[in-house]
N, C-alpha and C. Protein backbone atom coordinates (compact mmCIF):
# COMPACT_ATOMS: atom_id res chain seq x y z
N MET A 1 -3.19 -8.88 14.38
CA MET A 1 -2.38 -8.41 13.58
C MET A 1 -2.90 -7.03 13.16
N PHE A 2 -1.96 -6.23 12.44
CA PHE A 2 -2.41 -4.90 12.42
C PHE A 2 -2.00 -4.64 11.07
N CYS A 3 -2.67 -3.79 10.21
CA CYS A 3 -2.54 -3.17 8.91
C CYS A 3 -1.09 -2.49 8.98
N ASN A 4 -0.18 -2.69 8.03
CA ASN A 4 1.04 -1.74 8.03
C ASN A 4 0.73 -0.21 7.55
N ARG A 5 -0.32 0.02 6.81
CA ARG A 5 -0.55 1.17 6.14
C ARG A 5 -1.41 2.07 7.18
N CYS A 6 -2.67 1.47 7.52
CA CYS A 6 -3.40 2.42 8.59
C CYS A 6 -3.42 2.07 9.86
N GLY A 7 -3.12 0.79 10.22
CA GLY A 7 -3.06 0.49 11.56
C GLY A 7 -4.21 -0.06 12.06
N THR A 8 -5.27 -0.59 11.12
CA THR A 8 -6.50 -1.06 11.68
C THR A 8 -6.16 -2.58 12.05
N GLU A 9 -6.84 -3.09 13.34
CA GLU A 9 -6.90 -4.62 13.55
C GLU A 9 -7.37 -5.21 12.46
N LEU A 10 -6.81 -6.47 12.35
CA LEU A 10 -7.21 -7.12 11.07
C LEU A 10 -7.68 -8.64 11.67
N PRO A 11 -8.96 -9.05 10.99
CA PRO A 11 -9.55 -10.40 11.56
C PRO A 11 -8.43 -11.34 11.02
N PRO A 12 -8.55 -12.60 11.64
CA PRO A 12 -7.60 -13.65 11.28
C PRO A 12 -7.89 -14.13 10.01
N ASN A 13 -6.74 -14.37 9.32
CA ASN A 13 -6.51 -14.84 7.99
C ASN A 13 -7.24 -13.90 7.01
N ALA A 14 -6.91 -12.58 7.50
CA ALA A 14 -7.48 -11.56 6.40
C ALA A 14 -6.48 -11.50 5.11
N VAL A 15 -7.05 -11.35 3.85
CA VAL A 15 -6.28 -11.15 2.81
C VAL A 15 -6.02 -9.50 2.71
N ALA A 16 -7.05 -8.87 3.02
CA ALA A 16 -6.73 -7.45 2.74
C ALA A 16 -7.33 -6.82 4.00
N CYS A 17 -6.86 -5.35 4.44
CA CYS A 17 -7.47 -4.42 5.28
C CYS A 17 -8.86 -4.33 4.81
N PRO A 18 -9.63 -4.11 5.76
CA PRO A 18 -11.01 -3.78 5.63
C PRO A 18 -11.29 -2.25 5.49
N GLN A 19 -10.32 -1.62 6.17
CA GLN A 19 -10.26 -0.19 6.11
C GLN A 19 -9.62 0.37 4.75
N CYS A 20 -8.41 0.32 4.48
CA CYS A 20 -7.91 0.58 3.43
C CYS A 20 -7.64 -0.11 2.22
N ARG A 21 -7.97 -1.33 2.32
CA ARG A 21 -8.07 -2.40 1.13
C ARG A 21 -6.65 -2.59 0.62
N ARG A 22 -5.54 -2.62 1.55
CA ARG A 22 -4.21 -2.95 1.23
C ARG A 22 -4.22 -4.41 1.43
N ARG A 23 -3.58 -5.17 0.51
CA ARG A 23 -3.56 -6.61 0.45
C ARG A 23 -2.30 -6.95 1.51
N GLN A 24 -2.34 -7.86 2.34
CA GLN A 24 -1.54 -8.46 3.46
C GLN A 24 -0.72 -9.32 3.11
N GLY A 25 0.47 -9.39 3.34
CA GLY A 25 1.38 -10.30 2.90
C GLY A 25 2.16 -10.00 1.75
N ASP A 26 1.65 -9.30 0.90
CA ASP A 26 2.23 -8.90 -0.34
C ASP A 26 2.66 -7.45 -0.23
N PRO A 27 3.82 -6.83 -0.46
CA PRO A 27 4.32 -5.60 -0.37
C PRO A 27 3.53 -4.87 -1.49
N THR A 28 3.10 -5.37 -2.52
CA THR A 28 2.65 -4.67 -3.58
C THR A 28 1.08 -4.57 -3.83
N SER A 29 0.36 -3.53 -3.60
CA SER A 29 -1.15 -3.48 -3.68
C SER A 29 -1.69 -3.30 -5.18
N ALA A 30 -2.70 -3.43 -5.11
CA ALA A 30 -3.39 -3.33 -6.58
C ALA A 30 -3.25 -2.00 -7.11
N VAL A 31 -3.25 -0.86 -6.34
CA VAL A 31 -3.16 0.56 -6.64
C VAL A 31 -1.64 0.59 -7.24
N ALA A 32 -0.84 0.71 -6.25
CA ALA A 32 0.57 0.53 -6.75
C ALA A 32 1.12 -0.17 -7.60
N ARG A 33 0.75 -1.49 -7.84
CA ARG A 33 1.23 -2.20 -9.01
C ARG A 33 0.61 -1.44 -10.18
N SER A 34 -0.51 -1.27 -10.36
CA SER A 34 -0.94 -0.50 -11.58
C SER A 34 -0.29 0.47 -12.02
N ARG A 35 0.07 1.60 -11.13
CA ARG A 35 1.10 2.54 -11.32
C ARG A 35 2.34 2.22 -11.61
N LEU A 36 2.92 1.66 -10.78
CA LEU A 36 4.58 1.38 -11.13
C LEU A 36 4.63 0.37 -12.20
N GLN A 37 4.12 -0.73 -12.06
CA GLN A 37 4.32 -1.72 -12.94
C GLN A 37 3.79 -1.37 -14.43
N GLY A 38 2.78 -0.73 -14.11
CA GLY A 38 2.00 -0.35 -15.64
C GLY A 38 2.97 0.76 -16.41
N HIS A 39 3.59 1.82 -15.42
CA HIS A 39 4.44 2.78 -16.24
C HIS A 39 5.85 2.69 -15.96
N LEU A 40 6.46 1.49 -15.40
CA LEU A 40 7.93 1.67 -15.40
C LEU A 40 8.63 1.60 -16.77
N HIS A 41 8.07 0.41 -17.48
CA HIS A 41 8.73 0.22 -18.77
C HIS A 41 8.79 1.61 -19.62
N THR A 42 7.62 2.07 -19.84
CA THR A 42 7.37 3.24 -20.31
C THR A 42 8.28 4.57 -19.96
N LEU A 43 8.27 4.61 -18.65
CA LEU A 43 9.06 5.56 -17.99
C LEU A 43 10.83 5.53 -18.40
N GLY A 44 11.14 4.27 -18.53
CA GLY A 44 12.53 3.85 -18.91
C GLY A 44 12.65 4.07 -20.26
N ILE A 45 11.61 3.66 -21.11
CA ILE A 45 11.98 4.16 -22.55
C ILE A 45 11.96 5.76 -22.73
N LEU A 46 11.23 6.48 -21.93
CA LEU A 46 11.22 7.88 -22.31
C LEU A 46 12.42 8.45 -21.75
N TRP A 47 12.97 7.94 -20.68
CA TRP A 47 14.30 8.56 -20.25
C TRP A 47 15.32 8.29 -21.38
N MET A 48 15.34 7.04 -22.04
CA MET A 48 16.29 6.65 -22.88
C MET A 48 16.10 7.74 -24.21
N ILE A 49 14.83 7.97 -24.47
CA ILE A 49 14.51 8.89 -25.59
C ILE A 49 15.08 10.20 -25.32
N LEU A 50 14.64 10.64 -24.31
CA LEU A 50 15.48 12.03 -23.85
C LEU A 50 16.96 12.03 -23.81
N GLY A 51 17.50 11.05 -23.14
CA GLY A 51 18.94 10.89 -23.28
C GLY A 51 19.51 11.11 -24.68
N GLY A 52 18.93 9.91 -25.76
CA GLY A 52 19.20 10.22 -27.02
C GLY A 52 19.16 11.61 -27.75
N LEU A 53 18.04 12.36 -27.37
CA LEU A 53 18.02 13.69 -27.65
C LEU A 53 18.90 14.69 -27.37
N PHE A 54 19.42 14.45 -26.12
CA PHE A 54 20.43 15.29 -25.65
C PHE A 54 21.86 14.96 -26.39
N LEU A 55 22.00 13.77 -26.82
CA LEU A 55 23.33 13.44 -27.43
C LEU A 55 23.47 14.13 -28.81
N ILE A 56 22.22 14.58 -29.65
CA ILE A 56 22.49 15.04 -30.76
C ILE A 56 23.13 16.51 -30.63
N PRO A 57 22.44 17.44 -29.75
CA PRO A 57 22.99 18.74 -29.86
C PRO A 57 24.49 18.50 -28.92
N ALA A 58 24.69 17.65 -28.25
CA ALA A 58 25.94 17.61 -27.54
C ALA A 58 27.17 17.14 -28.60
N LEU A 59 26.89 16.45 -29.42
CA LEU A 59 27.91 16.10 -30.68
C LEU A 59 28.21 17.23 -31.58
N GLY A 60 26.87 17.95 -31.78
CA GLY A 60 27.16 19.04 -32.69
C GLY A 60 27.85 20.17 -31.85
N LEU A 61 27.73 20.38 -30.67
CA LEU A 61 28.27 21.58 -30.13
C LEU A 61 29.81 21.01 -29.93
N ILE A 62 30.23 19.97 -29.57
CA ILE A 62 31.61 19.39 -29.53
C ILE A 62 32.30 19.62 -30.67
N LEU A 63 31.73 19.17 -31.94
CA LEU A 63 32.23 19.56 -33.20
C LEU A 63 32.52 20.91 -33.65
N PHE A 64 31.20 21.76 -33.40
CA PHE A 64 31.21 23.09 -33.73
C PHE A 64 32.41 23.85 -32.94
N GLY A 65 32.62 23.52 -31.88
CA GLY A 65 33.65 23.96 -30.79
C GLY A 65 35.10 23.72 -31.17
N GLY A 66 35.08 22.49 -31.67
CA GLY A 66 36.55 22.04 -32.45
C GLY A 66 36.79 22.89 -33.50
N GLY A 67 35.72 23.04 -34.53
CA GLY A 67 35.77 23.87 -35.73
C GLY A 67 36.13 25.17 -35.68
N LEU A 68 35.43 25.84 -34.57
CA LEU A 68 35.57 27.15 -34.26
C LEU A 68 36.88 27.40 -33.71
N HIS A 69 37.54 26.63 -32.92
CA HIS A 69 38.79 26.56 -32.49
C HIS A 69 39.90 26.70 -33.71
N LEU A 70 39.80 26.04 -34.77
CA LEU A 70 40.45 26.10 -35.88
C LEU A 70 40.36 27.30 -36.64
N VAL A 71 39.17 27.83 -36.96
CA VAL A 71 38.97 28.92 -37.51
C VAL A 71 39.55 30.18 -36.78
N VAL A 72 39.47 30.44 -35.55
CA VAL A 72 39.97 31.55 -35.08
C VAL A 72 40.99 31.41 -33.99
N HIS A 73 41.79 30.60 -34.45
CA HIS A 73 43.00 30.44 -33.47
C HIS A 73 43.86 31.46 -33.22
N ASN A 74 43.96 32.47 -33.91
CA ASN A 74 44.79 33.66 -33.79
C ASN A 74 44.13 34.75 -33.03
N GLN A 75 42.77 34.86 -32.91
CA GLN A 75 42.44 35.91 -32.27
C GLN A 75 42.35 35.70 -30.62
N GLU A 76 42.83 36.67 -30.01
CA GLU A 76 43.03 36.26 -28.49
C GLU A 76 41.85 36.13 -27.70
N PRO A 77 41.18 37.14 -27.48
CA PRO A 77 39.98 36.56 -26.35
C PRO A 77 39.01 35.71 -26.92
N PHE A 78 38.57 35.88 -28.32
CA PHE A 78 37.77 34.89 -28.84
C PHE A 78 38.34 33.53 -29.10
N ALA A 79 39.46 33.26 -29.27
CA ALA A 79 40.25 32.18 -29.63
C ALA A 79 40.17 31.22 -28.29
N THR A 80 40.17 31.47 -27.00
CA THR A 80 40.23 30.79 -25.91
C THR A 80 39.01 30.58 -25.18
N PHE A 81 38.27 31.28 -25.26
CA PHE A 81 37.15 31.49 -24.23
C PHE A 81 35.93 30.81 -24.86
N ILE A 82 35.48 31.36 -26.16
CA ILE A 82 34.35 30.97 -26.68
C ILE A 82 34.35 29.33 -27.04
N PRO A 83 35.47 28.90 -27.88
CA PRO A 83 35.45 27.36 -28.16
C PRO A 83 35.50 26.41 -26.85
N LEU A 84 36.01 27.02 -25.68
CA LEU A 84 36.19 26.29 -24.62
C LEU A 84 34.74 26.32 -23.97
N ALA A 85 33.86 27.27 -23.82
CA ALA A 85 32.42 27.39 -23.28
C ALA A 85 31.72 26.54 -24.14
N ILE A 86 31.94 26.64 -25.62
CA ILE A 86 31.02 25.66 -26.41
C ILE A 86 31.27 24.06 -26.07
N TYR A 87 32.66 24.03 -25.87
CA TYR A 87 32.95 22.52 -25.53
C TYR A 87 32.35 22.13 -24.09
N ALA A 88 32.41 22.94 -23.13
CA ALA A 88 31.78 22.49 -21.98
C ALA A 88 30.44 22.38 -21.84
N LEU A 89 29.68 23.17 -22.89
CA LEU A 89 28.36 22.97 -22.79
C LEU A 89 28.05 21.64 -23.66
N GLY A 90 28.65 21.28 -24.69
CA GLY A 90 28.54 20.03 -25.40
C GLY A 90 29.03 18.92 -24.25
N ALA A 91 29.91 19.17 -23.64
CA ALA A 91 30.26 17.86 -22.82
C ALA A 91 29.31 17.67 -21.71
N THR A 92 28.54 19.05 -21.20
CA THR A 92 27.52 18.52 -20.20
C THR A 92 26.47 17.90 -20.68
N LEU A 93 26.08 18.51 -21.94
CA LEU A 93 24.84 17.63 -22.61
C LEU A 93 25.13 16.22 -22.92
N LEU A 94 26.53 15.88 -23.08
CA LEU A 94 26.84 14.44 -23.35
C LEU A 94 26.85 13.63 -22.20
N ILE A 95 27.18 14.13 -20.91
CA ILE A 95 26.95 13.68 -19.66
C ILE A 95 25.50 13.36 -19.36
N LEU A 96 24.66 14.36 -19.62
CA LEU A 96 23.25 14.29 -19.20
C LEU A 96 22.61 13.30 -20.28
N GLY A 97 22.96 13.26 -21.56
CA GLY A 97 22.34 12.29 -22.34
C GLY A 97 22.68 10.70 -21.97
N PHE A 98 23.96 10.69 -21.77
CA PHE A 98 24.41 9.12 -21.38
C PHE A 98 23.79 9.06 -19.92
N GLY A 99 23.59 9.79 -18.95
CA GLY A 99 22.94 9.63 -17.90
C GLY A 99 21.37 9.47 -17.97
N GLY A 100 20.70 9.98 -19.03
CA GLY A 100 19.31 9.61 -19.19
C GLY A 100 19.25 8.28 -19.68
N ILE A 101 20.14 7.87 -20.72
CA ILE A 101 20.16 6.47 -21.08
C ILE A 101 20.47 5.55 -19.98
N CYS A 102 21.38 5.68 -19.25
CA CYS A 102 21.71 4.79 -18.23
C CYS A 102 20.50 4.67 -17.25
N VAL A 103 19.67 5.64 -16.89
CA VAL A 103 18.60 5.60 -16.06
C VAL A 103 17.38 4.83 -16.60
N GLY A 104 17.46 5.33 -17.94
CA GLY A 104 16.28 4.50 -18.48
C GLY A 104 16.55 2.96 -18.59
N LEU A 105 17.70 2.56 -18.89
CA LEU A 105 18.19 1.09 -18.94
C LEU A 105 17.84 0.49 -17.46
N GLY A 106 18.44 1.39 -16.66
CA GLY A 106 18.10 0.93 -15.11
C GLY A 106 16.63 0.60 -14.74
N LEU A 107 15.96 1.66 -15.13
CA LEU A 107 14.53 1.50 -14.53
C LEU A 107 13.81 0.21 -15.58
N ARG A 108 14.36 0.03 -16.84
CA ARG A 108 13.64 -0.99 -17.41
C ARG A 108 14.09 -2.33 -16.58
N GLU A 109 15.38 -2.49 -16.17
CA GLU A 109 15.97 -3.65 -15.79
C GLU A 109 15.56 -3.89 -14.26
N ARG A 110 15.20 -3.05 -13.77
CA ARG A 110 14.77 -2.75 -12.30
C ARG A 110 15.81 -2.83 -11.38
N GLN A 111 16.92 -1.94 -11.71
CA GLN A 111 18.13 -2.20 -10.72
C GLN A 111 18.00 -0.81 -9.67
N SER A 112 18.39 -1.63 -8.51
CA SER A 112 18.08 -0.82 -7.30
C SER A 112 18.58 0.64 -7.30
N TRP A 113 19.57 0.97 -7.90
CA TRP A 113 19.97 2.45 -7.82
C TRP A 113 19.15 3.39 -8.65
N ALA A 114 18.47 2.64 -9.60
CA ALA A 114 17.85 3.46 -10.60
C ALA A 114 16.55 4.36 -10.00
N ARG A 115 15.98 3.97 -9.24
CA ARG A 115 14.82 4.70 -8.70
C ARG A 115 15.31 6.11 -8.10
N ILE A 116 16.04 5.95 -7.00
CA ILE A 116 16.64 7.11 -6.59
C ILE A 116 17.40 8.20 -7.75
N THR A 117 18.18 7.71 -8.48
CA THR A 117 18.83 8.40 -9.45
C THR A 117 17.68 9.05 -10.52
N ALA A 118 16.45 8.33 -10.87
CA ALA A 118 15.49 8.74 -11.69
C ALA A 118 14.89 9.90 -10.98
N ILE A 119 14.61 9.69 -9.50
CA ILE A 119 13.87 10.60 -8.92
C ILE A 119 14.57 11.97 -8.95
N ILE A 120 15.94 12.03 -8.49
CA ILE A 120 16.99 13.22 -8.57
C ILE A 120 16.98 13.73 -10.17
N LEU A 121 17.09 13.14 -11.22
CA LEU A 121 17.05 13.61 -12.50
C LEU A 121 15.63 14.12 -12.90
N GLY A 122 14.77 13.51 -12.45
CA GLY A 122 13.35 14.17 -12.46
C GLY A 122 13.09 15.44 -11.94
N VAL A 123 13.55 15.47 -10.69
CA VAL A 123 13.51 16.81 -10.18
C VAL A 123 14.42 17.85 -11.01
N LEU A 124 15.53 17.58 -11.41
CA LEU A 124 16.19 18.49 -12.11
C LEU A 124 15.49 18.76 -13.48
N ALA A 125 14.91 17.67 -14.14
CA ALA A 125 14.37 17.93 -15.52
C ALA A 125 13.09 18.76 -15.44
N LEU A 126 12.58 19.01 -14.03
CA LEU A 126 11.43 19.95 -14.12
C LEU A 126 11.77 21.25 -14.78
N PHE A 127 12.99 21.71 -14.58
CA PHE A 127 13.42 23.02 -14.94
C PHE A 127 13.91 23.08 -16.43
N HIS A 128 13.56 22.31 -17.39
CA HIS A 128 13.77 22.06 -18.72
C HIS A 128 12.78 21.94 -19.52
N PRO A 129 11.89 23.07 -19.63
CA PRO A 129 10.34 22.92 -20.28
C PRO A 129 10.85 22.62 -22.02
N PRO A 130 9.75 22.09 -22.65
CA PRO A 130 8.70 21.41 -22.32
C PRO A 130 8.75 19.91 -21.76
N LEU A 131 9.99 19.38 -22.82
CA LEU A 131 9.91 17.74 -22.60
C LEU A 131 10.49 17.49 -21.19
N GLY A 132 11.48 18.17 -20.76
CA GLY A 132 12.09 17.70 -19.43
C GLY A 132 10.97 17.99 -18.40
N THR A 133 10.17 18.92 -18.44
CA THR A 133 9.12 19.07 -17.35
C THR A 133 8.35 18.26 -17.43
N GLY A 134 7.76 17.83 -18.49
CA GLY A 134 6.64 16.70 -18.78
C GLY A 134 7.06 15.33 -18.18
N LEU A 135 8.51 15.24 -18.49
CA LEU A 135 9.16 13.87 -18.20
C LEU A 135 9.36 13.80 -16.63
N GLY A 136 9.91 15.01 -16.02
CA GLY A 136 10.11 15.03 -14.61
C GLY A 136 8.67 14.96 -13.80
N VAL A 137 7.62 15.39 -14.17
CA VAL A 137 6.31 15.29 -13.62
C VAL A 137 6.19 13.98 -13.73
N TYR A 138 6.19 13.44 -14.74
CA TYR A 138 5.61 11.74 -15.01
C TYR A 138 6.64 10.78 -14.24
N THR A 139 7.86 11.24 -14.02
CA THR A 139 8.78 10.44 -13.33
C THR A 139 8.44 10.41 -11.82
N LEU A 140 8.25 11.84 -11.28
CA LEU A 140 7.79 11.80 -9.88
C LEU A 140 6.34 11.11 -9.58
N TRP A 141 5.58 11.47 -10.47
CA TRP A 141 4.24 10.67 -10.32
C TRP A 141 4.29 9.23 -10.20
N VAL A 142 5.15 8.72 -11.00
CA VAL A 142 5.28 7.15 -10.92
C VAL A 142 5.89 6.71 -9.87
N LEU A 143 7.05 7.35 -9.51
CA LEU A 143 8.12 6.63 -8.63
C LEU A 143 8.03 7.30 -7.11
N LEU A 144 7.04 8.32 -6.96
CA LEU A 144 6.90 8.69 -5.48
C LEU A 144 5.59 8.44 -4.91
N SER A 145 4.83 7.65 -5.43
CA SER A 145 3.40 7.39 -4.86
C SER A 145 3.81 6.77 -3.35
N ASP A 146 2.88 6.44 -2.56
CA ASP A 146 2.92 5.98 -1.17
C ASP A 146 3.63 4.77 -1.33
N GLU A 147 3.59 3.70 -2.06
CA GLU A 147 4.01 2.45 -1.96
C GLU A 147 4.97 2.19 -3.10
N SER A 148 5.40 2.91 -3.95
CA SER A 148 6.26 2.70 -4.91
C SER A 148 7.59 2.30 -4.62
N GLY A 149 8.13 3.01 -3.35
CA GLY A 149 9.59 2.78 -2.89
C GLY A 149 9.54 1.20 -2.35
N GLU A 150 8.70 0.88 -1.71
CA GLU A 150 8.59 -0.53 -1.03
C GLU A 150 8.31 -1.54 -2.51
N GLU A 151 7.32 -1.35 -3.31
CA GLU A 151 7.29 -2.09 -4.44
C GLU A 151 8.34 -2.26 -5.24
N TYR A 152 8.99 -1.18 -5.53
CA TYR A 152 10.34 -1.16 -6.23
C TYR A 152 11.49 -1.97 -5.76
N ARG A 153 11.63 -1.90 -4.57
CA ARG A 153 12.58 -2.60 -3.53
C ARG A 153 12.27 -4.09 -3.93
N TYR A 154 11.16 -4.41 -3.87
CA TYR A 154 10.54 -5.91 -3.94
C TYR A 154 10.65 -6.24 -5.38
N LEU A 155 10.44 -5.44 -6.43
CA LEU A 155 10.51 -5.90 -7.84
C LEU A 155 12.16 -6.07 -8.12
N SER A 156 12.81 -5.09 -7.57
CA SER A 156 14.39 -5.19 -7.89
C SER A 156 15.11 -6.45 -7.14
N ASP A 157 14.49 -6.95 -6.06
CA ASP A 157 15.05 -7.97 -5.28
C ASP A 157 14.83 -9.26 -6.13
N SER A 158 13.36 -9.37 -6.51
CA SER A 158 12.91 -10.39 -7.32
C SER A 158 13.55 -10.77 -8.55
N PRO A 159 13.82 -12.28 -9.03
CA PRO A 159 14.61 -12.61 -9.93
C PRO A 159 14.02 -12.05 -11.28
């Protein structure tokens, strides 16, 4: 029998690889377990908090766009473009806010779709300093370790 990680030949009845120390028969090694399981709950909560923070300006922009449309309804270029742009920005933030909350709930409940979605949102969040960048780096650090994908599949399949 050979180690799945490094390819070293294993002695009979070996619990761990003598070369890389990966536990055999268990897809979750001690290193990956400490990183993923120790941070998955926190990561889910942080995504929900950031999603909630996106909802506040989203609702404000949607209300402001509606109020602005009522105030400047007779002025031609200003009356159509500016309120529409404010509405679109508010709707975008609303979608991002609900997306962050859904990803956070999915990570906390270990849904199979949540890991890939969180990685994608983590990459996009890198471009939104300072909170988004911090959460993006943290998301990628937790979910992109060598064995996190294998362990996440194992955790999401287990009851």
